[in-house]
Amino acid sequence: MTFTEIQEKTSVLDQLVEQRDLIVYNDDFNTFDFVIESLVKVCKHDKIQAEQCTMLIHYKGKCQVKRGEYKELQPMCTSLLERGITAEIE
C-alpha cells in the first residue's frame, strides 16, 4: 500500500467518524401530521420519507431522521426542539 492510498483511507475514515445522527423520540402530545410537517420543513425530507420516519418514531420509540456533521445537524435539532419535538444528536 502506498502512502497516498493510506492518506486517502485515513481521510475517508476521518469523514465517517465526524458523522452524527439526529434522533427524534416519540411523545404523547405531538400529532403525526405535525411531526411529518416538521421533518419536511426542518430536515428537508420529502413527504413519504417524513411519514416513514414518523411511523418508526411512533412504533419504535425513536428514529434516526438525519445523518451528517454536527454543525449541519445542530440547527435542525434546535428547530425541532423549539417546535416541542424531542430530539438529540448522537
PDB file of N, CA and C in Angstrom:
ATOM      1  N   MET A   1       0.848  -1.170   0.000  1.00  0.00           N
ATOM      2  CA  MET A   1       0.000   0.000   0.000  1.00  0.00           C
ATOM      3  C   MET A   1       0.899   1.240   0.000  1.00  0.00           C
ATOM      4  N   THR A   2       0.558   2.183  -0.842  1.00  0.00           N
ATOM      5  CA  THR A   2       1.370   3.398  -0.948  1.00  0.00           C
ATOM      6  C   THR A   2       0.940   4.421   0.097  1.00  0.00           C
ATOM      7  N   PHE A   3       1.780   5.400   0.304  1.00  0.00           N
ATOM      8  CA  PHE A   3       1.499   6.477   1.252  1.00  0.00           C
ATOM      9  C   PHE A   3       0.225   7.220   0.851  1.00  0.00           C
ATOM     10  N   THR A   4       0.023   7.453  -0.447  1.00  0.00           N
ATOM     11  CA  THR A   4      -1.163   8.156  -0.941  1.00  0.00           C
ATOM     12  C   THR A   4      -2.427   7.365  -0.636  1.00  0.00           C
ATOM     13  N   GLU A   5      -2.385   6.047  -0.822  1.00  0.00           N
ATOM     14  CA  GLU A   5      -3.549   5.208  -0.526  1.00  0.00           C
ATOM     15  C   GLU A   5      -3.890   5.249   0.966  1.00  0.00           C
ATOM     16  N   ILE A   6      -2.879   5.244   1.795  1.00  0.00           N
ATOM     17  CA  ILE A   6      -3.100   5.323   3.242  1.00  0.00           C
ATOM     18  C   ILE A   6      -3.714   6.664   3.607  1.00  0.00           C
ATOM     19  N   GLN A   7      -3.220   7.746   3.012  1.00  0.00           N
ATOM     20  CA  GLN A   7      -3.773   9.076   3.270  1.00  0.00           C
ATOM     21  C   GLN A   7      -5.234   9.149   2.862  1.00  0.00           C
ATOM     22  N   GLU A   8      -5.567   8.568   1.690  1.00  0.00           N
ATOM     23  CA  GLU A   8      -6.943   8.593   1.204  1.00  0.00           C
ATOM     24  C   GLU A   8      -7.853   7.816   2.146  1.00  0.00           C
ATOM     25  N   LYS A   9      -7.428   6.647   2.586  1.00  0.00           N
ATOM     26  CA  LYS A   9      -8.246   5.849   3.502  1.00  0.00           C
ATOM     27  C   LYS A   9      -8.406   6.552   4.844  1.00  0.00           C
ATOM     28  N   THR A  10      -7.373   7.185   5.324  1.00  0.00           N
ATOM     29  CA  THR A  10      -7.443   7.926   6.577  1.00  0.00           C
ATOM     30  C   THR A  10      -8.408   9.094   6.453  1.00  0.00           C
ATOM     31  N   SER A  11      -8.381   9.784   5.319  1.00  0.00           N
ATOM     32  CA  SER A  11      -9.269  10.912   5.090  1.00  0.00           C
ATOM     33  C   SER A  11     -10.734  10.468   5.089  1.00  0.00           C
ATOM     34  N   VAL A  12     -11.018   9.352   4.427  1.00  0.00           N
ATOM     35  CA  VAL A  12     -12.383   8.824   4.388  1.00  0.00           C
ATOM     36  C   VAL A  12     -12.823   8.432   5.793  1.00  0.00           C
ATOM     37  N   LEU A  13     -11.960   7.777   6.547  1.00  0.00           N
ATOM     38  CA  LEU A  13     -12.277   7.373   7.912  1.00  0.00           C
ATOM     39  C   LEU A  13     -12.547   8.592   8.792  1.00  0.00           C
ATOM     40  N   ASP A  14     -11.741   9.627   8.659  1.00  0.00           N
ATOM     41  CA  ASP A  14     -11.956  10.853   9.425  1.00  0.00           C
ATOM     42  C   ASP A  14     -13.327  11.452   9.131  1.00  0.00           C
ATOM     43  N   GLN A  15     -13.724  11.433   7.867  1.00  0.00           N
ATOM     44  CA  GLN A  15     -15.024  11.977   7.489  1.00  0.00           C
ATOM     45  C   GLN A  15     -16.148  11.140   8.090  1.00  0.00           C
ATOM     46  N   LEU A  16     -16.008   9.822   8.089  1.00  0.00           N
ATOM     47  CA  LEU A  16     -17.038   8.952   8.644  1.00  0.00           C
ATOM     48  C   LEU A  16     -17.155   9.119  10.156  1.00  0.00           C
ATOM     49  N   VAL A  17     -16.044   9.301  10.835  1.00  0.00           N
ATOM     50  CA  VAL A  17     -16.049   9.461  12.284  1.00  0.00           C
ATOM     51  C   VAL A  17     -16.773  10.739  12.680  1.00  0.00           C
ATOM     52  N   GLU A  18     -16.691  11.756  11.866  1.00  0.00           N
ATOM     53  CA  GLU A  18     -17.330  13.038  12.165  1.00  0.00           C
ATOM     54  C   GLU A  18     -18.842  12.999  11.967  1.00  0.00           C
ATOM     55  N   GLN A  19     -19.372  11.945  11.365  1.00  0.00           N
ATOM     56  CA  GLN A  19     -20.797  11.839  11.107  1.00  0.00           C
ATOM     57  C   GLN A  19     -21.556  11.576  12.408  1.00  0.00           C
ATOM     58  N   ARG A  20     -22.677  12.258  12.572  1.00  0.00           N
ATOM     59  CA  ARG A  20     -23.538  12.104  13.745  1.00  0.00           C
ATOM     60  C   ARG A  20     -24.956  11.797  13.263  1.00  0.00           C
ATOM     61  N   ASP A  21     -25.791  11.384  14.204  1.00  0.00           N
ATOM     62  CA  ASP A  21     -27.189  11.083  13.898  1.00  0.00           C
ATOM     63  C   ASP A  21     -28.100  12.048  14.642  1.00  0.00           C
ATOM     64  N   LEU A  22     -29.100  12.555  13.946  1.00  0.00           N
ATOM     65  CA  LEU A  22     -30.157  13.342  14.571  1.00  0.00           C
ATOM     66  C   LEU A  22     -31.292  12.372  14.876  1.00  0.00           C
ATOM     67  N   ILE A  23     -31.583  12.210  16.161  1.00  0.00           N
ATOM     68  CA  ILE A  23     -32.588  11.258  16.616  1.00  0.00           C
ATOM     69  C   ILE A  23     -33.810  12.017  17.108  1.00  0.00           C
ATOM     70  N   VAL A  24     -34.996  11.553  16.683  1.00  0.00           N
ATOM     71  CA  VAL A  24     -36.256  12.114  17.171  1.00  0.00           C
ATOM     72  C   VAL A  24     -36.959  11.025  17.977  1.00  0.00           C
ATOM     73  N   TYR A  25     -37.491  11.418  19.130  1.00  0.00           N
ATOM     74  CA  TYR A  25     -38.141  10.492  20.056  1.00  0.00           C
ATOM     75  C   TYR A  25     -39.655  10.659  20.047  1.00  0.00           C
ATOM     76  N   ASN A  26     -40.338   9.561  20.345  1.00  0.00           N
ATOM     77  CA  ASN A  26     -41.790   9.568  20.443  1.00  0.00           C
ATOM     78  C   ASN A  26     -42.234  10.356  21.672  1.00  0.00           C
ATOM     79  N   ASP A  27     -43.413  10.943  21.584  1.00  0.00           N
ATOM     80  CA  ASP A  27     -44.033  11.607  22.734  1.00  0.00           C
ATOM     81  C   ASP A  27     -45.533  11.399  22.641  1.00  0.00           C
ATOM     82  N   ASP A  28     -46.236  11.883  23.633  1.00  0.00           N
ATOM     83  CA  ASP A  28     -47.687  11.681  23.681  1.00  0.00           C
ATOM     84  C   ASP A  28     -48.491  12.920  23.310  1.00  0.00           C
ATOM     85  N   PHE A  29     -47.838  13.962  22.830  1.00  0.00           N
ATOM     86  CA  PHE A  29     -48.585  15.185  22.569  1.00  0.00           C
ATOM     87  C   PHE A  29     -48.464  15.729  21.153  1.00  0.00           C
ATOM     88  N   ASN A  30     -47.435  15.424  20.389  1.00  0.00           N
ATOM     89  CA  ASN A  30     -47.351  15.902  19.006  1.00  0.00           C
ATOM     90  C   ASN A  30     -48.091  14.948  18.074  1.00  0.00           C
ATOM     91  N   THR A  31     -48.842  15.527  17.140  1.00  0.00           N
ATOM     92  CA  THR A  31     -49.601  14.702  16.204  1.00  0.00           C
ATOM     93  C   THR A  31     -48.701  14.193  15.078  1.00  0.00           C
ATOM     94  N   PHE A  32     -49.149  13.134  14.419  1.00  0.00           N
ATOM     95  CA  PHE A  32     -48.421  12.612  13.265  1.00  0.00           C
ATOM     96  C   PHE A  32     -48.219  13.709  12.227  1.00  0.00           C
ATOM     97  N   ASP A  33     -49.293  14.434  11.937  1.00  0.00           N
ATOM     98  CA  ASP A  33     -49.216  15.472  10.901  1.00  0.00           C
ATOM     99  C   ASP A  33     -48.194  16.549  11.255  1.00  0.00           C
ATOM    100  N   PHE A  34     -48.137  16.934  12.535  1.00  0.00           N
ATOM    101  CA  PHE A  34     -47.196  17.961  12.954  1.00  0.00           C
ATOM    102  C   PHE A  34     -45.754  17.470  12.826  1.00  0.00           C
ATOM    103  N   VAL A  35     -45.492  16.226  13.223  1.00  0.00           N
ATOM    104  CA  VAL A  35     -44.140  15.674  13.116  1.00  0.00           C
ATOM    105  C   VAL A  35     -43.747  15.545  11.641  1.00  0.00           C
ATOM    106  N   ILE A  36     -44.654  15.068  10.816  1.00  0.00           N
ATOM    107  CA  ILE A  36     -44.384  14.951   9.379  1.00  0.00           C
ATOM    108  C   ILE A  36     -44.058  16.322   8.796  1.00  0.00           C
ATOM    109  N   GLU A  37     -44.898  17.300   9.089  1.00  0.00           N
ATOM    110  CA  GLU A  37     -44.680  18.670   8.598  1.00  0.00           C
ATOM    111  C   GLU A  37     -43.318  19.206   9.074  1.00  0.00           C
ATOM    112  N   SER A  38     -42.983  18.931  10.316  1.00  0.00           N
ATOM    113  CA  SER A  38     -41.718  19.419  10.877  1.00  0.00           C
ATOM    114  C   SER A  38     -40.521  18.776  10.191  1.00  0.00           C
ATOM    115  N   LEU A  39     -40.592  17.473   9.938  1.00  0.00           N
ATOM    116  CA  LEU A  39     -39.485  16.785   9.257  1.00  0.00           C
ATOM    117  C   LEU A  39     -39.315  17.297   7.829  1.00  0.00           C
ATOM    118  N   VAL A  40     -40.410  17.595   7.169  1.00  0.00           N
ATOM    119  CA  VAL A  40     -40.334  18.149   5.811  1.00  0.00           C
ATOM    120  C   VAL A  40     -39.696  19.535   5.847  1.00  0.00           C
ATOM    121  N   LYS A  41     -40.160  20.370   6.764  1.00  0.00           N
ATOM    122  CA  LYS A  41     -39.675  21.755   6.814  1.00  0.00           C
ATOM    123  C   LYS A  41     -38.249  21.850   7.361  1.00  0.00           C
ATOM    124  N   VAL A  42     -37.985  21.180   8.467  1.00  0.00           N
ATOM    125  CA  VAL A  42     -36.704  21.340   9.161  1.00  0.00           C
ATOM    126  C   VAL A  42     -35.604  20.470   8.550  1.00  0.00           C
ATOM    127  N   CYS A  43     -35.923  19.216   8.281  1.00  0.00           N
ATOM    128  CA  CYS A  43     -34.905  18.256   7.817  1.00  0.00           C
ATOM    129  C   CYS A  43     -34.885  18.085   6.305  1.00  0.00           C
ATOM    130  N   LYS A  44     -35.784  18.772   5.620  1.00  0.00           N
ATOM    131  CA  LYS A  44     -35.862  18.722   4.155  1.00  0.00           C
ATOM    132  C   LYS A  44     -36.189  17.318   3.637  1.00  0.00           C
ATOM    133  N   HIS A  45     -37.000  16.567   4.411  1.00  0.00           N
ATOM    134  CA  HIS A  45     -37.468  15.263   3.947  1.00  0.00           C
ATOM    135  C   HIS A  45     -38.558  15.466   2.903  1.00  0.00           C
ATOM    136  N   ASP A  46     -38.719  14.485   2.009  1.00  0.00           N
ATOM    137  CA  ASP A  46     -39.933  14.508   1.192  1.00  0.00           C
ATOM    138  C   ASP A  46     -41.042  13.910   2.055  1.00  0.00           C
ATOM    139  N   LYS A  47     -42.280  14.049   1.615  1.00  0.00           N
ATOM    140  CA  LYS A  47     -43.410  13.644   2.457  1.00  0.00           C
ATOM    141  C   LYS A  47     -43.384  12.158   2.801  1.00  0.00           C
ATOM    142  N   ILE A  48     -43.054  11.321   1.860  1.00  0.00           N
ATOM    143  CA  ILE A  48     -43.029   9.872   2.115  1.00  0.00           C
ATOM    144  C   ILE A  48     -41.958   9.527   3.145  1.00  0.00           C
ATOM    145  N   GLN A  49     -40.780  10.100   3.002  1.00  0.00           N
ATOM    146  CA  GLN A  49     -39.703   9.853   3.963  1.00  0.00           C
ATOM    147  C   GLN A  49     -40.119  10.321   5.361  1.00  0.00           C
ATOM    148  N   ALA A  50     -40.742  11.482   5.454  1.00  0.00           N
ATOM    149  CA  ALA A  50     -41.196  12.015   6.737  1.00  0.00           C
ATOM    150  C   ALA A  50     -42.263  11.105   7.354  1.00  0.00           C
ATOM    151  N   GLU A  51     -43.158  10.595   6.523  1.00  0.00           N
ATOM    152  CA  GLU A  51     -44.198   9.678   7.018  1.00  0.00           C
ATOM    153  C   GLU A  51     -43.572   8.397   7.561  1.00  0.00           C
ATOM    154  N   GLN A  52     -42.601   7.844   6.837  1.00  0.00           N
ATOM    155  CA  GLN A  52     -41.940   6.621   7.278  1.00  0.00           C
ATOM    156  C   GLN A  52     -41.202   6.833   8.596  1.00  0.00           C
ATOM    157  N   CYS A  53     -40.482   7.933   8.712  1.00  0.00           N
ATOM    158  CA  CYS A  53     -39.774   8.245   9.958  1.00  0.00           C
ATOM    159  C   CYS A  53     -40.764   8.401  11.105  1.00  0.00           C
ATOM    160  N   THR A  54     -41.874   9.071  10.854  1.00  0.00           N
ATOM    161  CA  THR A  54     -42.873   9.290  11.896  1.00  0.00           C
ATOM    162  C   THR A  54     -43.463   7.959  12.376  1.00  0.00           C
ATOM    163  N   MET A  55     -43.692   7.031  11.473  1.00  0.00           N
ATOM    164  CA  MET A  55     -44.190   5.704  11.869  1.00  0.00           C
ATOM    165  C   MET A  55     -43.154   4.985  12.729  1.00  0.00           C
ATOM    166  N   LEU A  56     -41.879   5.063  12.351  1.00  0.00           N
ATOM    167  CA  LEU A  56     -40.825   4.445  13.153  1.00  0.00           C
ATOM    168  C   LEU A  56     -40.732   5.095  14.528  1.00  0.00           C
ATOM    169  N   ILE A  57     -40.835   6.410  14.573  1.00  0.00           N
ATOM    170  CA  ILE A  57     -40.803   7.120  15.853  1.00  0.00           C
ATOM    171  C   ILE A  57     -41.934   6.613  16.744  1.00  0.00           C
ATOM    172  N   HIS A  58     -43.117   6.484  16.175  1.00  0.00           N
ATOM    173  CA  HIS A  58     -44.288   6.063  16.949  1.00  0.00           C
ATOM    174  C   HIS A  58     -44.159   4.619  17.451  1.00  0.00           C
ATOM    175  N   TYR A  59     -43.768   3.710  16.562  1.00  0.00           N
ATOM    176  CA  TYR A  59     -43.773   2.289  16.922  1.00  0.00           C
ATOM    177  C   TYR A  59     -42.485   1.799  17.572  1.00  0.00           C
ATOM    178  N   LYS A  60     -41.365   2.434  17.263  1.00  0.00           N
ATOM    179  CA  LYS A  60     -40.080   2.016  17.838  1.00  0.00           C
ATOM    180  C   LYS A  60     -39.625   2.920  18.991  1.00  0.00           C
ATOM    181  N   GLY A  61     -40.256   4.080  19.118  1.00  0.00           N
ATOM    182  CA  GLY A  61     -39.901   4.995  20.192  1.00  0.00           C
ATOM    183  C   GLY A  61     -38.907   6.068  19.787  1.00  0.00           C
ATOM    184  N   LYS A  62     -38.217   5.839  18.683  1.00  0.00           N
ATOM    185  CA  LYS A  62     -37.268   6.836  18.176  1.00  0.00           C
ATOM    186  C   LYS A  62     -36.887   6.469  16.757  1.00  0.00           C
ATOM    187  N   CYS A  63     -36.272   7.444  16.071  1.00  0.00           N
ATOM    188  CA  CYS A  63     -35.815   7.210  14.696  1.00  0.00           C
ATOM    189  C   CYS A  63     -34.672   8.171  14.381  1.00  0.00           C
ATOM    190  N   GLN A  64     -33.678   7.635  13.686  1.00  0.00           N
ATOM    191  CA  GLN A  64     -32.597   8.476  13.168  1.00  0.00           C
ATOM    192  C   GLN A  64     -33.161   9.150  11.917  1.00  0.00           C
ATOM    193  N   VAL A  65     -33.382  10.461  11.989  1.00  0.00           N
ATOM    194  CA  VAL A  65     -34.026  11.166  10.888  1.00  0.00           C
ATOM    195  C   VAL A  65     -33.044  11.848   9.947  1.00  0.00           C
ATOM    196  N   LYS A  66     -31.799  12.002  10.388  1.00  0.00           N
ATOM    197  CA  LYS A  66     -30.796  12.660   9.546  1.00  0.00           C
ATOM    198  C   LYS A  66     -29.410  12.248  10.022  1.00  0.00           C
ATOM    199  N   ARG A  67     -28.473  12.166   9.090  1.00  0.00           N
ATOM    200  CA  ARG A  67     -27.080  11.853   9.401  1.00  0.00           C
ATOM    201  C   ARG A  67     -26.215  12.914   8.749  1.00  0.00           C
ATOM    202  N   GLY A  68     -25.232  13.402   9.488  1.00  0.00           N
ATOM    203  CA  GLY A  68     -24.346  14.417   8.935  1.00  0.00           C
ATOM    204  C   GLY A  68     -23.394  14.934   9.992  1.00  0.00           C
ATOM    205  N   GLU A  69     -22.716  15.995   9.662  1.00  0.00           N
ATOM    206  CA  GLU A  69     -21.795  16.619  10.601  1.00  0.00           C
ATOM    207  C   GLU A  69     -22.581  17.394  11.648  1.00  0.00           C
ATOM    208  N   TYR A  70     -21.997  17.509  12.828  1.00  0.00           N
ATOM    209  CA  TYR A  70     -22.665  18.183  13.947  1.00  0.00           C
ATOM    210  C   TYR A  70     -23.120  19.589  13.563  1.00  0.00           C
ATOM    211  N   LYS A  71     -22.253  20.328  12.882  1.00  0.00           N
ATOM    212  CA  LYS A  71     -22.592  21.719  12.543  1.00  0.00           C
ATOM    213  C   LYS A  71     -23.796  21.807  11.609  1.00  0.00           C
ATOM    214  N   GLU A  72     -24.049  20.763  10.823  1.00  0.00           N
ATOM    215  CA  GLU A  72     -25.222  20.717   9.946  1.00  0.00           C
ATOM    216  C   GLU A  72     -26.475  20.319  10.742  1.00  0.00           C
ATOM    217  N   LEU A  73     -26.321  19.383  11.681  1.00  0.00           N
ATOM    218  CA  LEU A  73     -27.458  18.852  12.428  1.00  0.00           C
ATOM    219  C   LEU A  73     -27.914  19.746  13.570  1.00  0.00           C
ATOM    220  N   GLN A  74     -27.001  20.517  14.149  1.00  0.00           N
ATOM    221  CA  GLN A  74     -27.315  21.316  15.330  1.00  0.00           C
ATOM    222  C   GLN A  74     -28.471  22.293  15.105  1.00  0.00           C
ATOM    223  N   PRO A  75     -28.494  23.058  14.008  1.00  0.00           N
ATOM    224  CA  PRO A  75     -29.638  23.963  13.803  1.00  0.00           C
ATOM    225  C   PRO A  75     -30.959  23.205  13.607  1.00  0.00           C
ATOM    226  N   MET A  76     -30.887  22.034  12.981  1.00  0.00           N
ATOM    227  CA  MET A  76     -32.101  21.228  12.797  1.00  0.00           C
ATOM    228  C   MET A  76     -32.618  20.742  14.145  1.00  0.00           C
ATOM    229  N   CYS A  77     -31.716  20.256  14.980  1.00  0.00           N
ATOM    230  CA  CYS A  77     -32.091  19.776  16.306  1.00  0.00           C
ATOM    231  C   CYS A  77     -32.724  20.907  17.114  1.00  0.00           C
ATOM    232  N   THR A  78     -32.116  22.066  17.093  1.00  0.00           N
ATOM    233  CA  THR A  78     -32.642  23.221  17.816  1.00  0.00           C
ATOM    234  C   THR A  78     -34.038  23.589  17.324  1.00  0.00           C
ATOM    235  N   SER A  79     -34.218  23.577  16.010  1.00  0.00           N
ATOM    236  CA  SER A  79     -35.519  23.918  15.429  1.00  0.00           C
ATOM    237  C   SER A  79     -36.593  22.907  15.844  1.00  0.00           C
ATOM    238  N   LEU A  80     -36.243  21.626  15.832  1.00  0.00           N
ATOM    239  CA  LEU A  80     -37.206  20.603  16.259  1.00  0.00           C
ATOM    240  C   LEU A  80     -37.557  20.782  17.734  1.00  0.00           C
ATOM    241  N   LEU A  81     -36.551  21.050  18.565  1.00  0.00           N
ATOM    242  CA  LEU A  81     -36.796  21.273  19.997  1.00  0.00           C
ATOM    243  C   LEU A  81     -37.690  22.491  20.214  1.00  0.00           C
ATOM    244  N   GLU A  82     -37.465  23.544  19.442  1.00  0.00           N
ATOM    245  CA  GLU A  82     -38.299  24.752  19.549  1.00  0.00           C
ATOM    246  C   GLU A  82     -39.748  24.468  19.174  1.00  0.00           C
ATOM    247  N   ARG A  83     -39.965  23.462  18.328  1.00  0.00           N
ATOM    248  CA  ARG A  83     -41.307  23.066  17.931  1.00  0.00           C
ATOM    249  C   ARG A  83     -41.947  22.118  18.962  1.00  0.00           C
ATOM    250  N   GLY A  84     -41.188  21.756  19.989  1.00  0.00           N
ATOM    251  CA  GLY A  84     -41.713  20.853  21.006  1.00  0.00           C
ATOM    252  C   GLY A  84     -41.499  19.387  20.702  1.00  0.00           C
ATOM    253  N   ILE A  85     -40.639  19.104  19.742  1.00  0.00           N
ATOM    254  CA  ILE A  85     -40.332  17.720  19.374  1.00  0.00           C
ATOM    255  C   ILE A  85     -39.020  17.332  20.062  1.00  0.00           C
ATOM    256  N   THR A  86     -39.046  16.199  20.757  1.00  0.00           N
ATOM    257  CA  THR A  86     -37.865  15.749  21.493  1.00  0.00           C
ATOM    258  C   THR A  86     -36.848  15.176  20.507  1.00  0.00           C
ATOM    259  N   ALA A  87     -35.657  15.777  20.484  1.00  0.00           N
ATOM    260  CA  ALA A  87     -34.622  15.373  19.541  1.00  0.00           C
ATOM    261  C   ALA A  87     -33.250  15.565  20.181  1.00  0.00           C
ATOM    262  N   GLU A  88     -32.291  14.805  19.697  1.00  0.00           N
ATOM    263  CA  GLU A  88     -30.905  14.978  20.148  1.00  0.00           C
ATOM    264  C   GLU A  88     -29.962  14.500  19.063  1.00  0.00           C
ATOM    265  N   ILE A  89     -28.708  14.913  19.186  1.00  0.00           N
ATOM    266  CA  ILE A  89     -27.668  14.493  18.261  1.00  0.00           C
ATOM    267  C   ILE A  89     -26.795  13.479  18.986  1.00  0.00           C
ATOM    268  N   GLU A  90     -26.630  12.326  18.363  1.00  0.00           N
ATOM    269  CA  GLU A  90     -25.757  11.281  18.941  1.00  0.00           C
ATOM    270  C   GLU A  90     -24.537  11.122  18.090  1.00  0.00           C
TER     271      GLU A  90
END
